[in-house]
Amino acid sequence: MGAVESFLNVLLIFLIVSSIFNYFAFARARKAAQKAKEEKAELKIEVKEEIEMVTDDFCGCTLPRSEAYILAKDNQKHYFCSWDCREKFIAGN
C-alpha cells in the first residue's frame, strides 16, 4: 500500500465522516426551523380594534372619538375636529 493509497483512504474516511456530520447538522437545523415556524404560528394573534367615529357638530366632518375635542353642554356631548370649530359652535349658540 503506497502513500497515495493511504492518503486516498484517509480522504475517503474524512469525506464519509464529514457527510454524516453534515447530514445530522442539517436534520437538526431543519427540526429547529420547523419548531420556530410552529411557535411563530402559535404567537400570531389577530387583533381587530373598532374605532368609534364621531361627527363634528359644527363642520360635519367625521373623526375618531379619541382625537375629538369634546364639549359637554345641556347634558349632551358635542364633538369637534378642532378647537376653532368648538369655539365657532360656542359663539354661534
N, C-alpha and C. Protein backbone atom coordinates (compact mmCIF):
# COMPACT_ATOMS: atom_id res chain seq x y z
N MET A 1 0.85 -1.17 0.00
CA MET A 1 0.00 0.00 0.00
C MET A 1 0.90 1.23 0.00
N GLY A 2 0.73 2.05 -1.02
CA GLY A 2 1.58 3.21 -1.17
C GLY A 2 1.04 4.41 -0.42
N ALA A 3 1.82 5.45 -0.43
CA ALA A 3 1.46 6.70 0.25
C ALA A 3 0.21 7.33 -0.36
N VAL A 4 0.10 7.21 -1.68
CA VAL A 4 -1.06 7.79 -2.36
C VAL A 4 -2.33 7.05 -1.95
N GLU A 5 -2.25 5.73 -1.88
CA GLU A 5 -3.42 4.95 -1.49
C GLU A 5 -3.81 5.24 -0.04
N SER A 6 -2.85 5.40 0.83
CA SER A 6 -3.12 5.73 2.23
C SER A 6 -3.79 7.10 2.32
N PHE A 7 -3.26 8.03 1.57
CA PHE A 7 -3.85 9.38 1.56
C PHE A 7 -5.29 9.34 1.05
N LEU A 8 -5.54 8.59 -0.01
CA LEU A 8 -6.89 8.49 -0.56
C LEU A 8 -7.85 7.81 0.42
N ASN A 9 -7.37 6.79 1.15
CA ASN A 9 -8.20 6.13 2.15
C ASN A 9 -8.56 7.09 3.29
N VAL A 10 -7.59 7.88 3.74
CA VAL A 10 -7.84 8.87 4.80
C VAL A 10 -8.81 9.92 4.29
N LEU A 11 -8.63 10.37 3.07
CA LEU A 11 -9.52 11.37 2.48
C LEU A 11 -10.94 10.82 2.36
N LEU A 12 -11.08 9.57 1.94
CA LEU A 12 -12.38 8.94 1.81
C LEU A 12 -13.07 8.83 3.17
N ILE A 13 -12.34 8.42 4.17
CA ILE A 13 -12.91 8.32 5.53
C ILE A 13 -13.34 9.70 6.03
N PHE A 14 -12.49 10.71 5.78
CA PHE A 14 -12.82 12.08 6.18
C PHE A 14 -14.11 12.55 5.49
N LEU A 15 -14.24 12.30 4.21
CA LEU A 15 -15.43 12.73 3.48
C LEU A 15 -16.69 12.01 3.97
N ILE A 16 -16.56 10.73 4.29
CA ILE A 16 -17.71 9.97 4.80
C ILE A 16 -18.14 10.51 6.16
N VAL A 17 -17.18 10.72 7.06
CA VAL A 17 -17.49 11.24 8.40
C VAL A 17 -18.06 12.66 8.30
N SER A 18 -17.47 13.48 7.42
CA SER A 18 -17.95 14.84 7.23
C SER A 18 -19.38 14.84 6.69
N SER A 19 -19.68 13.96 5.76
CA SER A 19 -21.03 13.87 5.20
C SER A 19 -22.04 13.46 6.26
N ILE A 20 -21.67 12.50 7.09
CA ILE A 20 -22.57 12.05 8.17
C ILE A 20 -22.82 13.20 9.14
N PHE A 21 -21.75 13.90 9.52
CA PHE A 21 -21.90 15.04 10.43
C PHE A 21 -22.81 16.10 9.81
N ASN A 22 -22.60 16.44 8.54
CA ASN A 22 -23.43 17.45 7.86
C ASN A 22 -24.89 17.01 7.78
N TYR A 23 -25.12 15.73 7.56
CA TYR A 23 -26.48 15.22 7.48
C TYR A 23 -27.21 15.45 8.81
N PHE A 24 -26.55 15.10 9.92
CA PHE A 24 -27.18 15.28 11.23
C PHE A 24 -27.34 16.75 11.58
N ALA A 25 -26.37 17.57 11.23
CA ALA A 25 -26.46 19.00 11.48
C ALA A 25 -27.62 19.61 10.69
N PHE A 26 -27.76 19.18 9.43
CA PHE A 26 -28.86 19.68 8.59
C PHE A 26 -30.20 19.24 9.15
N ALA A 27 -30.29 17.98 9.58
CA ALA A 27 -31.54 17.47 10.15
C ALA A 27 -31.91 18.24 11.42
N ARG A 28 -30.91 18.52 12.26
CA ARG A 28 -31.14 19.28 13.49
C ARG A 28 -31.61 20.70 13.17
N ALA A 29 -30.98 21.33 12.17
CA ALA A 29 -31.36 22.70 11.79
C ALA A 29 -32.77 22.72 11.20
N ARG A 30 -33.11 21.72 10.39
CA ARG A 30 -34.45 21.65 9.81
C ARG A 30 -35.50 21.48 10.90
N LYS A 31 -35.20 20.66 11.90
CA LYS A 31 -36.13 20.45 13.02
C LYS A 31 -36.30 21.74 13.82
N ALA A 32 -35.21 22.45 14.05
CA ALA A 32 -35.28 23.72 14.79
C ALA A 32 -36.08 24.76 14.00
N ALA A 33 -35.91 24.80 12.69
CA ALA A 33 -36.66 25.74 11.86
C ALA A 33 -38.15 25.42 11.88
N GLN A 34 -38.49 24.15 11.84
CA GLN A 34 -39.90 23.73 11.90
C GLN A 34 -40.50 24.12 13.25
N LYS A 35 -39.75 23.92 14.33
CA LYS A 35 -40.24 24.27 15.66
C LYS A 35 -40.46 25.77 15.76
N ALA A 36 -39.51 26.56 15.23
CA ALA A 36 -39.65 28.02 15.26
C ALA A 36 -40.86 28.46 14.44
N LYS A 37 -41.09 27.81 13.32
CA LYS A 37 -42.24 28.13 12.48
C LYS A 37 -43.55 27.84 13.22
N GLU A 38 -43.61 26.72 13.93
CA GLU A 38 -44.80 26.37 14.70
C GLU A 38 -45.03 27.35 15.84
N GLU A 39 -43.95 27.74 16.53
CA GLU A 39 -44.08 28.71 17.62
C GLU A 39 -44.55 30.05 17.09
N LYS A 40 -44.04 30.44 15.93
CA LYS A 40 -44.46 31.71 15.34
C LYS A 40 -45.93 31.67 14.97
N ALA A 41 -46.40 30.54 14.46
CA ALA A 41 -47.81 30.39 14.11
C ALA A 41 -48.69 30.48 15.36
N GLU A 42 -48.20 29.94 16.46
CA GLU A 42 -48.96 30.00 17.71
C GLU A 42 -49.03 31.42 18.25
N LEU A 43 -47.98 32.21 18.03
CA LEU A 43 -47.93 33.56 18.55
C LEU A 43 -48.69 34.57 17.70
N LYS A 44 -49.02 34.19 16.49
CA LYS A 44 -49.70 35.12 15.59
C LYS A 44 -51.13 35.30 16.07
N ILE A 45 -51.40 36.47 16.61
CA ILE A 45 -52.71 36.78 17.15
C ILE A 45 -53.26 37.96 16.35
N GLU A 46 -54.46 37.77 15.89
CA GLU A 46 -55.08 38.83 15.10
C GLU A 46 -55.95 39.67 16.03
N VAL A 47 -55.69 40.96 16.05
CA VAL A 47 -56.43 41.86 16.91
C VAL A 47 -57.18 42.84 16.02
N LYS A 48 -58.47 42.85 16.19
CA LYS A 48 -59.27 43.81 15.46
C LYS A 48 -59.80 44.84 16.45
N GLU A 49 -59.46 46.07 16.21
CA GLU A 49 -59.88 47.13 17.10
C GLU A 49 -60.87 48.00 16.35
N GLU A 50 -62.02 48.16 16.92
CA GLU A 50 -63.00 49.02 16.31
C GLU A 50 -62.81 50.43 16.86
N ILE A 51 -62.75 51.38 15.96
CA ILE A 51 -62.55 52.77 16.34
C ILE A 51 -63.89 53.47 16.27
N GLU A 52 -64.28 54.05 17.39
CA GLU A 52 -65.55 54.76 17.43
C GLU A 52 -65.38 56.10 16.72
N MET A 53 -66.23 56.34 15.74
CA MET A 53 -66.18 57.57 14.96
C MET A 53 -67.29 58.51 15.43
N VAL A 54 -66.98 59.80 15.43
CA VAL A 54 -67.96 60.82 15.79
C VAL A 54 -67.99 61.87 14.69
N THR A 55 -69.06 62.65 14.69
CA THR A 55 -69.21 63.71 13.69
C THR A 55 -69.10 65.06 14.37
N ASP A 56 -68.32 65.93 13.78
CA ASP A 56 -68.15 67.30 14.28
C ASP A 56 -69.50 68.00 14.21
N ASP A 57 -69.94 68.58 15.33
CA ASP A 57 -71.25 69.25 15.39
C ASP A 57 -71.24 70.60 14.69
N PHE A 58 -70.09 71.11 14.30
CA PHE A 58 -70.07 72.39 13.60
C PHE A 58 -69.86 72.23 12.09
N CYS A 59 -68.76 71.55 11.69
CA CYS A 59 -68.45 71.45 10.26
C CYS A 59 -68.91 70.13 9.63
N GLY A 60 -69.27 69.14 10.45
CA GLY A 60 -69.81 67.89 9.92
C GLY A 60 -68.79 66.84 9.53
N CYS A 61 -67.50 67.10 9.74
CA CYS A 61 -66.50 66.08 9.38
C CYS A 61 -66.52 64.93 10.39
N THR A 62 -66.09 63.77 9.94
CA THR A 62 -66.07 62.57 10.77
C THR A 62 -64.63 62.30 11.21
N LEU A 63 -64.45 61.96 12.49
CA LEU A 63 -63.13 61.69 13.03
C LEU A 63 -63.22 60.69 14.17
N PRO A 64 -62.10 60.05 14.52
CA PRO A 64 -62.10 59.12 15.66
C PRO A 64 -62.42 59.87 16.96
N ARG A 65 -63.20 59.24 17.80
CA ARG A 65 -63.61 59.88 19.06
C ARG A 65 -62.39 60.26 19.91
N SER A 66 -61.35 59.44 19.85
CA SER A 66 -60.15 59.71 20.66
C SER A 66 -59.42 60.97 20.23
N GLU A 67 -59.66 61.46 19.01
CA GLU A 67 -58.99 62.66 18.52
C GLU A 67 -59.87 63.90 18.60
N ALA A 68 -61.12 63.75 19.03
CA ALA A 68 -62.08 64.86 19.02
C ALA A 68 -61.96 65.72 20.26
N TYR A 69 -62.27 67.02 20.07
CA TYR A 69 -62.45 67.92 21.19
C TYR A 69 -63.90 67.76 21.63
N ILE A 70 -64.12 67.66 22.95
CA ILE A 70 -65.46 67.38 23.46
C ILE A 70 -65.93 68.56 24.30
N LEU A 71 -67.19 68.93 24.07
CA LEU A 71 -67.83 69.98 24.85
C LEU A 71 -69.10 69.39 25.45
N ALA A 72 -69.21 69.45 26.77
CA ALA A 72 -70.44 69.00 27.43
C ALA A 72 -71.30 70.21 27.69
N LYS A 73 -72.48 70.22 27.04
CA LYS A 73 -73.37 71.37 27.18
C LYS A 73 -74.81 70.87 27.14
N ASP A 74 -75.62 71.33 28.05
CA ASP A 74 -77.03 70.95 28.12
C ASP A 74 -77.20 69.42 28.21
N ASN A 75 -76.41 68.80 29.05
CA ASN A 75 -76.44 67.34 29.25
C ASN A 75 -76.20 66.56 27.96
N GLN A 76 -75.47 67.14 27.03
CA GLN A 76 -75.12 66.48 25.78
C GLN A 76 -73.63 66.68 25.53
N LYS A 77 -73.06 65.71 24.85
CA LYS A 77 -71.66 65.84 24.45
C LYS A 77 -71.63 66.24 22.99
N HIS A 78 -70.84 67.26 22.70
CA HIS A 78 -70.65 67.73 21.34
C HIS A 78 -69.18 67.48 20.96
N TYR A 79 -68.96 66.98 19.76
CA TYR A 79 -67.62 66.61 19.32
C TYR A 79 -67.17 67.56 18.20
N PHE A 80 -65.86 67.89 18.23
CA PHE A 80 -65.31 68.83 17.25
C PHE A 80 -63.96 68.34 16.75
N CYS A 81 -63.67 68.63 15.47
CA CYS A 81 -62.40 68.21 14.88
C CYS A 81 -61.26 69.14 15.27
N SER A 82 -61.60 70.38 15.65
CA SER A 82 -60.55 71.34 16.02
C SER A 82 -61.07 72.28 17.10
N TRP A 83 -60.15 72.96 17.69
CA TRP A 83 -60.52 73.94 18.73
C TRP A 83 -61.30 75.09 18.09
N ASP A 84 -60.94 75.44 16.85
CA ASP A 84 -61.64 76.51 16.15
C ASP A 84 -63.11 76.17 15.94
N CYS A 85 -63.40 74.93 15.49
CA CYS A 85 -64.79 74.51 15.30
C CYS A 85 -65.55 74.56 16.63
N ARG A 86 -64.90 74.19 17.70
CA ARG A 86 -65.51 74.23 19.03
C ARG A 86 -65.86 75.67 19.40
N GLU A 87 -64.91 76.57 19.19
CA GLU A 87 -65.14 77.98 19.52
C GLU A 87 -66.24 78.58 18.66
N LYS A 88 -66.27 78.25 17.39
CA LYS A 88 -67.32 78.77 16.48
C LYS A 88 -68.68 78.23 16.89
N PHE A 89 -68.74 76.97 17.33
CA PHE A 89 -70.00 76.38 17.80
C PHE A 89 -70.50 77.12 19.03
N ILE A 90 -69.59 77.41 19.96
CA ILE A 90 -69.95 78.12 21.18
C ILE A 90 -70.43 79.54 20.84
N ALA A 91 -69.73 80.20 19.94
CA ALA A 91 -70.09 81.57 19.56
C ALA A 91 -71.43 81.61 18.82
N GLY A 92 -71.75 80.57 18.09
CA GLY A 92 -73.00 80.52 17.31
C GLY A 92 -74.21 80.22 18.16
N ASN A 93 -74.02 79.65 19.34
CA ASN A 93 -75.17 79.30 20.20
C ASN A 93 -75.41 80.32 21.26
